[in-house]
Amino acid sequence: MGLTAHVLAIDAGNSKTDVAVVTADGEVLSTARGGGFRPPAVGLDTAMTALAHTVAQALSTAGLTTADHVSACLANADFPVEEDRLAAALHARGWGTTVTVRNDTFAILRAGVPEPRGVAVVCGAGINCVGMRPDGRTARFPALGRVSGDWGGGWGLSEEALWHAARSEDGRGRPTALARTLPAHFGLSSMYALIEALHLGDLEQSRRHELTPVLFATAADGDTVARAIVERQAEEVVAMAVVALTRLELLDEPTPVLLGGGVLAAQHPQLNGMITDLLADRAPKAAPQAVTASPVLGAALLGLDEVGAGDGAQGRLRAYFGV
């Protein structure tokens, strides 16, 4: 493809979708934002229809009806077979001549590195890790929760905090200030009241994610149980990163390890400090760094990789996104 190629970049997560139309020289023609992309919850056709509105807005603003290449980083593309099905669905929409679909974690990785080389661990609602090399080799995990061996992420951390707090209050577990700080966040006086409110629907289950920052604050105040939960999260992050580095034969080479998602991007001193210390011991040549850039930047950079754009295009694109 020549330098007149246009890339339609899509970063579609569970909560929001960002789309950008980019030229092969790195100029951003348009951007658009829409709702989350959740085929498992609403069905593929419904999810694609919702995505189509956001894509149509971006293409129309750019003065285009199609692009040369679609670079899509999508939530719930956890297995190659799912990537293939999603690529076929995108291709059927006629948005681009060629289509590449990757898990959305690859967007965070590519956004944080100057070339497609490194490892990214993402802690958002859940936890995931991917790695890639310029030769096309990748490392990844299914990242489906406990069924695939995962532990942590915002939802998992809040669940763990609730478990320990409940047992602390009723006497089955070790004392922890979480038994006070978690219900207090919602203006409640006890874990019993919080459990009842969640069970009866007086508090939406989705609000449990609000407890993750409470966990970190309680840990920062010195609570032993809360600190142990945070330490375990650090262990899980490093375990995934080291496995990915090993699979890609990057353990003995200087390699960036990107830390993304709401939990890691918040840069809690205990969590991120312990990750740095553990990596220094188990992967001394790894270079951890937090990534706060918009993931659609990564999807766009992956698209520029596909159309053979030069370094100048990457620089212009990064400048647009303030990186």
Protein backbone atom coordinates (compact mmCIF):
# COMPACT_ATOMS: atom_id res chain seq x y z
CA MET A 1 0.00 0.00 0.00
CA GLY A 2 1.25 3.49 -0.80
CA LEU A 3 1.38 6.55 1.35
CA THR A 4 -2.16 7.49 0.30
CA ALA A 5 -3.48 4.57 2.35
CA HIS A 6 -5.98 5.29 5.08
CA VAL A 7 -6.13 3.31 8.31
CA LEU A 8 -9.35 2.88 10.26
CA ALA A 9 -8.18 2.26 13.84
CA ILE A 10 -10.64 0.79 16.33
CA ASP A 11 -10.09 0.26 20.05
CA ALA A 12 -13.27 -1.31 21.42
CA GLY A 13 -13.35 -2.21 25.10
CA ASN A 14 -16.13 -3.39 27.35
CA SER A 15 -17.02 0.13 28.46
CA LYS A 16 -16.20 2.38 25.47
CA THR A 17 -15.08 2.40 21.85
CA ASP A 18 -12.65 4.84 20.23
CA VAL A 19 -12.20 5.10 16.47
CA ALA A 20 -9.64 7.11 14.51
CA VAL A 21 -9.10 7.57 10.78
CA VAL A 22 -5.42 8.07 10.01
CA THR A 23 -3.42 8.59 6.84
CA ALA A 24 -0.27 6.58 6.21
CA ASP A 25 1.83 9.67 6.97
CA GLY A 26 0.36 9.83 10.49
CA GLU A 27 -2.23 12.59 10.04
CA VAL A 28 -5.40 12.05 12.06
CA LEU A 29 -8.40 12.95 9.91
CA SER A 30 -11.09 12.23 12.50
CA THR A 31 -11.93 10.51 15.76
CA ALA A 32 -15.19 9.27 17.30
CA ARG A 33 -16.26 7.66 20.56
CA GLY A 34 -19.07 5.20 21.22
CA GLY A 35 -20.27 2.70 23.79
CA GLY A 36 -18.74 -0.59 24.81
CA PHE A 37 -18.22 -3.62 22.57
CA ARG A 38 -19.60 -6.72 24.30
CA PRO A 39 -20.53 -9.51 21.86
CA PRO A 40 -20.77 -12.18 24.62
CA ALA A 41 -23.40 -10.10 26.44
CA VAL A 42 -25.51 -8.74 23.56
CA GLY A 43 -24.64 -10.97 20.59
CA LEU A 44 -22.26 -10.28 17.72
CA ASP A 45 -24.84 -8.69 15.39
CA THR A 46 -26.02 -6.21 18.02
CA ALA A 47 -22.44 -5.37 19.02
CA MET A 48 -21.44 -4.82 15.38
CA THR A 49 -24.46 -2.60 14.76
CA ALA A 50 -23.50 -0.39 17.71
CA LEU A 51 -19.90 -0.29 16.49
CA ALA A 52 -21.09 0.67 13.01
CA HIS A 53 -22.55 3.95 14.28
CA THR A 54 -19.20 5.03 15.71
CA VAL A 55 -17.28 3.94 12.61
CA ALA A 56 -19.74 5.73 10.31
CA GLN A 57 -19.30 8.93 12.31
CA ALA A 58 -15.50 8.77 12.04
CA LEU A 59 -15.49 7.95 8.31
CA SER A 60 -18.04 10.64 7.51
CA THR A 61 -16.06 13.30 9.39
CA ALA A 62 -12.94 12.24 7.47
CA GLY A 63 -14.82 12.53 4.17
CA LEU A 64 -14.45 8.81 3.44
CA THR A 65 -16.74 5.84 3.03
CA THR A 66 -14.05 3.17 3.46
CA ALA A 67 -10.41 2.80 4.45
CA ASP A 68 -7.58 0.76 3.00
CA HIS A 69 -6.89 -1.12 6.20
CA VAL A 70 -8.87 -1.74 9.37
CA SER A 71 -6.77 -2.21 12.51
CA ALA A 72 -9.13 -3.36 15.25
CA CYS A 73 -8.15 -4.10 18.84
CA LEU A 74 -11.23 -5.59 20.46
CA ALA A 75 -12.30 -6.74 23.89
CA ASN A 76 -13.41 -10.38 24.05
CA ALA A 77 -11.03 -11.39 21.24
CA ASP A 78 -9.37 -13.82 23.60
CA PHE A 79 -8.65 -16.76 21.28
CA PRO A 80 -7.43 -16.86 17.65
CA VAL A 81 -10.75 -18.37 16.59
CA GLU A 82 -12.54 -15.34 18.08
CA GLU A 83 -10.18 -12.98 16.27
CA ASP A 84 -10.97 -14.79 13.00
CA ARG A 85 -14.73 -14.54 13.56
CA LEU A 86 -14.53 -10.87 14.45
CA ALA A 87 -12.29 -10.16 11.46
CA ALA A 88 -14.85 -11.82 9.19
CA ALA A 89 -17.64 -9.74 10.73
CA LEU A 90 -15.65 -6.52 10.24
CA HIS A 91 -14.72 -7.45 6.68
CA ALA A 92 -18.37 -8.11 5.88
CA ARG A 93 -19.16 -4.50 6.81
CA GLY A 94 -16.94 -3.29 3.98
CA TRP A 95 -15.07 -0.72 6.06
CA GLY A 96 -11.67 -1.64 4.66
CA THR A 97 -9.91 -3.68 2.00
CA THR A 98 -7.92 -5.58 4.61
CA VAL A 99 -8.70 -6.26 8.27
CA THR A 100 -6.56 -7.23 11.24
CA VAL A 101 -8.13 -8.04 14.61
CA ARG A 102 -6.22 -8.35 17.86
CA ASN A 103 -7.14 -8.46 21.53
CA ASP A 104 -7.43 -4.92 22.91
CA THR A 105 -4.45 -5.48 25.22
CA PHE A 106 -2.20 -5.29 22.14
CA ALA A 107 -3.33 -1.67 21.65
CA ILE A 108 -2.02 -0.72 25.07
CA LEU A 109 1.27 -2.49 24.36
CA ARG A 110 1.81 -0.83 20.98
CA ALA A 111 0.86 2.60 22.34
CA GLY A 112 3.75 2.41 24.80
CA VAL A 113 6.62 1.25 22.58
CA PRO A 114 8.40 2.75 19.54
CA GLU A 115 8.29 -0.59 17.72
CA PRO A 116 6.09 -3.71 18.10
CA ARG A 117 8.37 -5.25 20.72
CA GLY A 118 7.69 -5.70 24.42
CA VAL A 119 5.24 -7.02 26.98
CA ALA A 120 2.16 -5.37 28.44
CA VAL A 121 0.25 -6.32 31.57
CA VAL A 122 -3.17 -4.73 31.93
CA CYS A 123 -5.16 -4.52 35.14
CA GLY A 124 -8.56 -3.03 34.48
CA ALA A 125 -11.69 -4.85 35.53
CA GLY A 126 -9.68 -8.05 35.00
CA ILE A 127 -6.07 -8.87 34.25
CA ASN A 128 -4.37 -9.75 30.98
CA CYS A 129 -0.90 -9.90 29.48
CA VAL A 130 0.41 -9.94 25.91
CA GLY A 131 3.80 -9.69 24.28
CA MET A 132 5.01 -9.22 20.74
CA ARG A 133 8.13 -9.10 18.59
CA PRO A 134 8.64 -7.31 15.26
CA ASP A 135 8.86 -10.70 13.50
CA GLY A 136 5.20 -11.32 14.33
CA ARG A 137 5.65 -13.70 17.25
CA THR A 138 3.28 -13.07 20.13
CA ALA A 139 2.66 -14.31 23.66
CA ARG A 140 -0.75 -14.19 25.26
CA PHE A 141 -3.09 -15.73 27.82
CA PRO A 142 -6.80 -16.59 27.53
CA ALA A 143 -7.52 -14.10 30.37
CA LEU A 144 -11.01 -15.38 31.14
CA GLY A 145 -10.77 -15.12 34.91
CA ARG A 146 -10.27 -17.91 37.40
CA VAL A 147 -11.19 -20.58 34.83
CA SER A 148 -8.00 -19.68 32.92
CA GLY A 149 -5.86 -19.32 36.05
CA ASP A 150 -6.10 -15.55 36.45
CA TRP A 151 -6.24 -13.65 39.72
CA GLY A 152 -6.85 -9.98 40.35
CA GLY A 153 -7.79 -6.95 38.35
CA GLY A 154 -10.18 -4.39 39.78
CA TRP A 155 -13.14 -6.76 40.08
CA GLY A 156 -11.05 -9.55 41.60
CA LEU A 157 -9.40 -7.20 44.08
CA SER A 158 -12.73 -5.87 45.29
CA GLU A 159 -14.06 -9.42 45.66
CA GLU A 160 -11.00 -10.44 47.67
CA ALA A 161 -11.31 -7.36 49.89
CA LEU A 162 -14.99 -8.10 50.57
CA TRP A 163 -14.19 -11.73 51.43
CA HIS A 164 -11.56 -10.80 54.00
CA ALA A 165 -13.68 -7.98 55.44
CA ALA A 166 -16.72 -10.23 55.89
CA ARG A 167 -14.68 -12.89 57.67
CA SER A 168 -12.99 -10.30 59.84
CA GLU A 169 -16.28 -8.90 61.07
CA ASP A 170 -17.92 -12.24 61.89
CA GLY A 171 -14.82 -13.75 63.48
CA ARG A 172 -13.84 -16.37 60.90
CA GLY A 173 -10.83 -14.42 59.65
CA ARG A 174 -8.03 -12.15 60.71
CA PRO A 175 -8.86 -8.63 61.90
CA THR A 176 -8.64 -6.02 59.16
CA ALA A 177 -9.63 -2.39 58.83
CA LEU A 178 -11.34 -3.35 55.57
CA ALA A 179 -14.33 -4.42 57.68
CA ARG A 180 -14.76 -0.73 58.48
CA THR A 181 -13.45 1.07 55.40
CA LEU A 182 -15.41 -0.88 52.78
CA PRO A 183 -18.91 -0.28 54.20
CA ALA A 184 -17.96 3.27 55.19
CA HIS A 185 -17.36 4.06 51.52
CA PHE A 186 -21.11 3.60 50.95
CA GLY A 187 -22.13 5.32 54.19
CA LEU A 188 -22.87 2.00 55.90
CA SER A 189 -21.89 1.00 59.42
CA SER A 190 -20.94 -2.66 59.00
CA MET A 191 -20.04 -5.40 56.56
CA TYR A 192 -23.35 -7.05 57.43
CA ALA A 193 -25.16 -3.97 56.13
CA LEU A 194 -23.01 -3.87 52.99
CA ILE A 195 -23.57 -7.56 52.25
CA GLU A 196 -27.31 -7.09 52.72
CA ALA A 197 -27.37 -4.03 50.44
CA LEU A 198 -25.53 -5.88 47.68
CA HIS A 199 -27.69 -8.97 48.05
CA LEU A 200 -31.02 -7.10 47.99
CA GLY A 201 -29.98 -4.80 45.15
CA ASP A 202 -30.02 -1.62 47.23
CA LEU A 203 -26.48 -1.22 45.92
CA GLU A 204 -25.83 -2.20 42.30
CA GLN A 205 -23.30 -5.01 42.00
CA SER A 206 -21.44 -2.87 39.46
CA ARG A 207 -20.54 -0.43 42.25
CA ARG A 208 -18.22 -3.04 43.76
CA HIS A 209 -15.49 -1.68 41.51
CA GLU A 210 -15.47 1.44 43.70
CA LEU A 211 -13.93 -0.63 46.49
CA THR A 212 -10.59 -1.17 44.76
CA PRO A 213 -9.30 2.34 45.59
CA VAL A 214 -10.56 1.82 49.16
CA LEU A 215 -8.46 -1.35 49.33
CA PHE A 216 -5.35 0.54 48.23
CA ALA A 217 -5.97 3.37 50.68
CA THR A 218 -6.42 0.87 53.52
CA ALA A 219 -3.20 -0.87 52.51
CA ALA A 220 -1.36 2.46 52.41
CA ASP A 221 -2.50 3.06 56.00
CA GLY A 222 -0.63 -0.09 57.01
CA ASP A 223 -3.39 -2.70 57.28
CA THR A 224 -1.71 -6.12 57.09
CA VAL A 225 -4.52 -7.94 55.27
CA ALA A 226 -5.01 -5.20 52.71
CA ARG A 227 -1.28 -5.02 52.08
CA ALA A 228 -1.16 -8.80 51.52
CA ILE A 229 -3.86 -8.52 48.84
CA VAL A 230 -1.93 -5.79 47.05
CA GLU A 231 1.27 -7.83 47.29
CA ARG A 232 -0.44 -10.81 45.71
CA GLN A 233 -1.58 -8.63 42.82
CA ALA A 234 2.02 -7.55 42.28
CA GLU A 235 3.09 -11.22 42.25
CA GLU A 236 0.46 -12.03 39.62
CA VAL A 237 1.49 -9.14 37.38
CA VAL A 238 5.14 -10.17 37.51
CA ALA A 239 4.35 -13.87 36.98
CA MET A 240 2.49 -13.07 33.75
CA ALA A 241 5.19 -10.69 32.53
CA VAL A 242 8.02 -13.14 33.17
CA VAL A 243 6.19 -15.97 31.38
CA ALA A 244 5.54 -13.73 28.35
CA LEU A 245 9.17 -12.57 28.28
CA THR A 246 10.34 -16.17 28.47
CA ARG A 247 8.05 -17.36 25.67
CA LEU A 248 9.33 -14.60 23.39
CA GLU A 249 12.98 -15.20 24.35
CA LEU A 250 13.22 -11.65 25.65
CA LEU A 251 14.09 -12.43 29.26
CA ASP A 252 17.78 -11.77 28.66
CA GLU A 253 17.33 -8.68 26.49
CA PRO A 254 16.45 -5.11 27.51
CA THR A 255 12.70 -5.11 27.03
CA PRO A 256 9.92 -2.68 27.97
CA VAL A 257 7.19 -4.04 30.24
CA LEU A 258 4.17 -1.77 29.98
CA LEU A 259 1.75 -1.47 32.89
CA GLY A 260 -1.72 -0.36 31.83
CA GLY A 261 -5.36 -0.34 32.83
CA GLY A 262 -6.98 1.61 35.63
CA VAL A 263 -5.37 -0.29 38.51
CA LEU A 264 -1.78 -0.05 37.25
CA ALA A 265 -2.04 3.34 35.55
CA ALA A 266 -3.08 4.82 38.92
CA GLN A 267 0.49 4.03 40.05
CA HIS A 268 -0.26 3.05 43.63
CA PRO A 269 3.18 3.23 45.30
CA GLN A 270 2.98 -0.15 47.05
CA LEU A 271 1.74 -2.06 44.01
CA ASN A 272 3.91 -0.50 41.34
CA GLY A 273 6.93 -0.35 43.63
CA MET A 274 6.70 -4.05 44.41
CA ILE A 275 6.25 -4.88 40.71
CA THR A 276 9.45 -2.96 39.97
CA ASP A 277 11.33 -4.77 42.75
CA LEU A 278 10.10 -8.22 41.71
CA LEU A 279 10.96 -7.61 38.06
CA ALA A 280 14.43 -6.44 39.06
CA ASP A 281 14.91 -9.82 40.74
CA ARG A 282 13.25 -12.12 38.18
CA ALA A 283 13.75 -10.21 34.92
CA PRO A 284 16.61 -7.76 35.54
CA LYS A 285 16.65 -6.45 31.96
CA ALA A 286 12.95 -5.66 31.90
CA ALA A 287 12.11 -1.94 31.98
CA PRO A 288 8.69 -1.38 33.61
CA GLN A 289 6.76 1.77 32.79
CA ALA A 290 3.16 2.91 33.17
CA VAL A 291 1.14 3.59 30.03
CA THR A 292 -1.56 6.24 30.10
CA ALA A 293 -1.82 6.94 26.36
CA SER A 294 -5.15 6.35 24.63
CA PRO A 295 -5.31 2.72 23.43
CA VAL A 296 -6.68 3.81 20.04
CA LEU A 297 -3.20 5.26 19.46
CA GLY A 298 -1.88 1.70 19.71
CA ALA A 299 -4.50 0.39 17.28
CA ALA A 300 -3.54 3.15 14.84
CA LEU A 301 0.19 2.42 15.21
CA LEU A 302 -0.46 -1.27 14.53
CA GLY A 303 -2.32 -0.18 11.40
CA LEU A 304 0.60 1.99 10.29
CA ASP A 305 2.87 -1.02 10.82
CA GLU A 306 0.64 -2.98 8.43
CA VAL A 307 0.73 -0.34 5.66
CA GLY A 308 4.48 0.15 5.93
CA ALA A 309 4.48 3.71 7.23
CA GLY A 310 7.77 5.28 8.30
CA ASP A 311 9.01 6.63 11.62
CA GLY A 312 7.85 10.15 10.78
CA ALA A 313 4.26 8.95 10.57
CA GLN A 314 4.52 7.42 14.03
CA GLY A 315 5.90 10.66 15.42
CA ARG A 316 3.08 12.74 13.95
CA LEU A 317 0.49 10.31 15.25
CA ARG A 318 1.99 10.30 18.76
CA ALA A 319 2.15 14.09 18.76
CA TYR A 320 -1.56 14.26 17.95
CA PHE A 321 -2.35 12.12 20.99
CA GLY A 322 0.02 14.15 23.18
CA VAL A 323 2.58 11.40 23.68
